[in-house]
Amino acid sequence: MTAEQAAMRQAAHENLQRELLRELQLAHWFILNALAIMTPEQKSEWASRNILSGNDSDGITRFHEREAVIAKAIGNAT
């Protein structure tokens, strides 16, 4: 691999990381917005569906896990 190819590969990798971080940030906000307008019953149903599908954790939306990954990615980006 030439130096130019390596630089192009690195740039593509960095672009992909930025895109993934942006998508995760948008998903984070979409989830927070959805929670803001949901009734307690709807939140309970969401939690039940997550449990049934095996996607449950300490919270119904994995807020803390997602927030930690975003913070880590931003910290690594600077």
N, C-alpha and C. Protein backbone atom coordinates (compact mmCIF):
# COMPACT_ATOMS: atom_id res chain seq x y z
N MET A 1 0.85 -1.17 0.00
CA MET A 1 0.00 0.00 0.00
C MET A 1 0.89 1.24 0.00
N THR A 2 0.57 2.15 -0.88
CA THR A 2 1.35 3.39 -0.96
C THR A 2 0.93 4.34 0.17
N ALA A 3 1.73 5.36 0.37
CA ALA A 3 1.43 6.37 1.38
C ALA A 3 0.12 7.08 1.04
N GLU A 4 -0.09 7.33 -0.24
CA GLU A 4 -1.33 7.99 -0.66
C GLU A 4 -2.55 7.10 -0.40
N GLN A 5 -2.43 5.82 -0.67
CA GLN A 5 -3.52 4.88 -0.41
C GLN A 5 -3.79 4.78 1.09
N ALA A 6 -2.74 4.76 1.88
CA ALA A 6 -2.90 4.70 3.33
C ALA A 6 -3.60 5.95 3.85
N ALA A 7 -3.23 7.10 3.31
CA ALA A 7 -3.86 8.36 3.73
C ALA A 7 -5.34 8.38 3.34
N MET A 8 -5.62 7.88 2.14
CA MET A 8 -7.02 7.82 1.69
C MET A 8 -7.83 6.86 2.55
N ARG A 9 -7.23 5.73 2.89
CA ARG A 9 -7.92 4.75 3.75
C ARG A 9 -8.18 5.35 5.13
N GLN A 10 -7.20 6.05 5.67
CA GLN A 10 -7.35 6.69 6.98
C GLN A 10 -8.44 7.76 6.93
N ALA A 11 -8.46 8.57 5.89
CA ALA A 11 -9.47 9.61 5.75
C ALA A 11 -10.87 8.99 5.65
N ALA A 12 -11.00 7.92 4.90
CA ALA A 12 -12.30 7.24 4.76
C ALA A 12 -12.75 6.69 6.11
N HIS A 13 -11.82 6.13 6.86
CA HIS A 13 -12.13 5.58 8.17
C HIS A 13 -12.59 6.70 9.12
N GLU A 14 -11.91 7.82 9.10
CA GLU A 14 -12.29 8.95 9.96
C GLU A 14 -13.65 9.51 9.56
N ASN A 15 -13.92 9.57 8.25
CA ASN A 15 -15.24 10.04 7.79
C ASN A 15 -16.34 9.11 8.27
N LEU A 16 -16.09 7.81 8.19
CA LEU A 16 -17.07 6.83 8.65
C LEU A 16 -17.32 6.98 10.15
N GLN A 17 -16.27 7.18 10.91
CA GLN A 17 -16.43 7.38 12.36
C GLN A 17 -17.27 8.61 12.65
N ARG A 18 -17.03 9.70 11.92
CA ARG A 18 -17.83 10.92 12.12
C ARG A 18 -19.29 10.68 11.76
N GLU A 19 -19.53 9.95 10.67
CA GLU A 19 -20.91 9.65 10.25
C GLU A 19 -21.61 8.80 11.30
N LEU A 20 -20.92 7.79 11.80
CA LEU A 20 -21.53 6.92 12.81
C LEU A 20 -21.82 7.68 14.09
N LEU A 21 -20.90 8.53 14.51
CA LEU A 21 -21.13 9.35 15.70
C LEU A 21 -22.34 10.25 15.50
N ARG A 22 -22.44 10.89 14.36
CA ARG A 22 -23.57 11.78 14.07
C ARG A 22 -24.89 11.01 14.11
N GLU A 23 -24.91 9.83 13.51
CA GLU A 23 -26.13 9.02 13.53
C GLU A 23 -26.50 8.61 14.94
N LEU A 24 -25.52 8.26 15.76
CA LEU A 24 -25.78 7.90 17.14
C LEU A 24 -26.31 9.09 17.92
N GLN A 25 -25.75 10.27 17.68
CA GLN A 25 -26.24 11.47 18.35
C GLN A 25 -27.69 11.77 17.95
N LEU A 26 -27.99 11.63 16.66
CA LEU A 26 -29.36 11.87 16.21
C LEU A 26 -30.33 10.86 16.81
N ALA A 27 -29.94 9.60 16.85
CA ALA A 27 -30.78 8.57 17.46
C ALA A 27 -31.03 8.89 18.93
N HIS A 28 -29.99 9.36 19.60
CA HIS A 28 -30.10 9.74 21.01
C HIS A 28 -31.19 10.79 21.19
N TRP A 29 -31.15 11.82 20.35
CA TRP A 29 -32.15 12.89 20.45
C TRP A 29 -33.54 12.40 20.05
N PHE A 30 -33.64 11.56 19.03
CA PHE A 30 -34.95 11.03 18.62
C PHE A 30 -35.59 10.24 19.77
N ILE A 31 -34.78 9.44 20.44
CA ILE A 31 -35.29 8.64 21.56
C ILE A 31 -35.75 9.55 22.69
N LEU A 32 -34.95 10.56 23.01
CA LEU A 32 -35.34 11.50 24.07
C LEU A 32 -36.62 12.24 23.72
N ASN A 33 -36.77 12.63 22.45
CA ASN A 33 -37.98 13.31 22.01
C ASN A 33 -39.19 12.38 22.11
N ALA A 34 -39.01 11.13 21.70
CA ALA A 34 -40.11 10.16 21.78
C ALA A 34 -40.54 9.96 23.23
N LEU A 35 -39.56 9.83 24.12
CA LEU A 35 -39.89 9.64 25.54
C LEU A 35 -40.65 10.83 26.11
N ALA A 36 -40.33 12.01 25.62
CA ALA A 36 -40.97 13.23 26.14
C ALA A 36 -42.46 13.28 25.83
N ILE A 37 -42.89 12.61 24.76
CA ILE A 37 -44.31 12.67 24.40
C ILE A 37 -45.06 11.37 24.69
N MET A 38 -44.35 10.34 25.17
CA MET A 38 -45.01 9.06 25.47
C MET A 38 -45.68 9.10 26.83
N THR A 39 -46.77 8.36 26.91
CA THR A 39 -47.45 8.19 28.20
C THR A 39 -46.70 7.14 29.01
N PRO A 40 -46.93 7.10 30.30
CA PRO A 40 -46.31 6.03 31.10
C PRO A 40 -46.65 4.63 30.58
N GLU A 41 -47.86 4.45 30.09
CA GLU A 41 -48.26 3.16 29.55
C GLU A 41 -47.46 2.80 28.30
N GLN A 42 -47.22 3.78 27.45
CA GLN A 42 -46.44 3.54 26.24
C GLN A 42 -44.99 3.19 26.60
N LYS A 43 -44.44 3.87 27.58
CA LYS A 43 -43.08 3.57 28.03
C LYS A 43 -43.00 2.16 28.59
N SER A 44 -44.03 1.76 29.31
CA SER A 44 -44.08 0.42 29.87
C SER A 44 -44.16 -0.63 28.76
N GLU A 45 -44.96 -0.37 27.75
CA GLU A 45 -45.06 -1.28 26.60
C GLU A 45 -43.71 -1.38 25.88
N TRP A 46 -43.03 -0.26 25.71
CA TRP A 46 -41.71 -0.26 25.08
C TRP A 46 -40.75 -1.14 25.87
N ALA A 47 -40.77 -0.97 27.19
CA ALA A 47 -39.89 -1.78 28.04
C ALA A 47 -40.23 -3.26 27.92
N SER A 48 -41.50 -3.58 27.89
CA SER A 48 -41.92 -4.98 27.75
C SER A 48 -41.44 -5.58 26.44
N ARG A 49 -41.57 -4.83 25.37
CA ARG A 49 -41.12 -5.32 24.06
C ARG A 49 -39.60 -5.52 24.03
N ASN A 50 -38.87 -4.63 24.69
CA ASN A 50 -37.41 -4.79 24.75
C ASN A 50 -37.04 -6.05 25.52
N ILE A 51 -37.74 -6.30 26.60
CA ILE A 51 -37.48 -7.51 27.39
C ILE A 51 -37.78 -8.76 26.57
N LEU A 52 -38.93 -8.77 25.90
CA LEU A 52 -39.32 -9.93 25.09
C LEU A 52 -38.35 -10.20 23.94
N SER A 53 -37.76 -9.14 23.40
CA SER A 53 -36.83 -9.31 22.28
C SER A 53 -35.39 -9.53 22.74
N GLY A 54 -35.19 -9.53 24.07
CA GLY A 54 -33.85 -9.76 24.61
C GLY A 54 -32.95 -8.55 24.53
N ASN A 55 -33.54 -7.37 24.38
CA ASN A 55 -32.76 -6.13 24.26
C ASN A 55 -32.92 -5.23 25.47
N ASP A 56 -33.11 -5.82 26.63
CA ASP A 56 -33.30 -5.00 27.82
C ASP A 56 -31.96 -4.77 28.51
N SER A 57 -31.93 -3.73 29.30
CA SER A 57 -30.74 -3.40 30.09
C SER A 57 -31.21 -2.65 31.32
N ASP A 58 -30.36 -1.83 31.89
CA ASP A 58 -30.74 -1.10 33.11
C ASP A 58 -31.85 -0.09 32.88
N GLY A 59 -32.08 0.29 31.66
CA GLY A 59 -33.15 1.24 31.34
C GLY A 59 -33.80 0.84 30.03
N ILE A 60 -34.96 1.41 29.75
CA ILE A 60 -35.66 0.99 28.54
C ILE A 60 -35.01 1.52 27.26
N THR A 61 -34.15 2.53 27.38
CA THR A 61 -33.58 3.13 26.16
C THR A 61 -32.06 3.06 26.09
N ARG A 62 -31.41 2.48 27.07
CA ARG A 62 -29.94 2.41 27.13
C ARG A 62 -29.32 3.82 27.09
N PHE A 63 -30.01 4.77 27.71
CA PHE A 63 -29.57 6.17 27.72
C PHE A 63 -28.13 6.30 28.19
N HIS A 64 -27.82 5.73 29.34
CA HIS A 64 -26.50 5.92 29.94
C HIS A 64 -25.41 5.26 29.10
N GLU A 65 -25.69 4.09 28.56
CA GLU A 65 -24.70 3.42 27.71
C GLU A 65 -24.43 4.23 26.44
N ARG A 66 -25.51 4.72 25.83
CA ARG A 66 -25.38 5.51 24.60
C ARG A 66 -24.66 6.83 24.88
N GLU A 67 -25.03 7.48 25.98
CA GLU A 67 -24.40 8.75 26.35
C GLU A 67 -22.89 8.55 26.59
N ALA A 68 -22.52 7.45 27.23
CA ALA A 68 -21.12 7.18 27.51
C ALA A 68 -20.33 6.96 26.22
N VAL A 69 -20.91 6.24 25.28
CA VAL A 69 -20.22 6.00 24.00
C VAL A 69 -20.06 7.31 23.23
N ILE A 70 -21.09 8.14 23.23
CA ILE A 70 -21.01 9.44 22.55
C ILE A 70 -19.91 10.29 23.19
N ALA A 71 -19.89 10.34 24.50
CA ALA A 71 -18.87 11.15 25.20
C ALA A 71 -17.47 10.63 24.89
N LYS A 72 -17.31 9.32 24.87
CA LYS A 72 -16.02 8.73 24.56
C LYS A 72 -15.59 9.06 23.13
N ALA A 73 -16.53 8.98 22.20
CA ALA A 73 -16.22 9.27 20.80
C ALA A 73 -15.85 10.74 20.60
N ILE A 74 -16.56 11.62 21.27
CA ILE A 74 -16.25 13.05 21.17
C ILE A 74 -14.90 13.33 21.79
N GLY A 75 -14.62 12.70 22.92
CA GLY A 75 -13.32 12.89 23.57
C GLY A 75 -12.17 12.40 22.72
N ASN A 76 -12.38 11.32 22.00
CA ASN A 76 -11.35 10.78 21.13
C ASN A 76 -11.21 11.58 19.85
N ALA A 77 -12.27 12.30 19.48
CA ALA A 77 -12.25 13.06 18.22
C ALA A 77 -11.45 14.35 18.35
N THR A 78 -11.30 14.84 19.58
CA THR A 78 -10.60 16.12 19.74
C THR A 78 -9.14 15.92 20.09
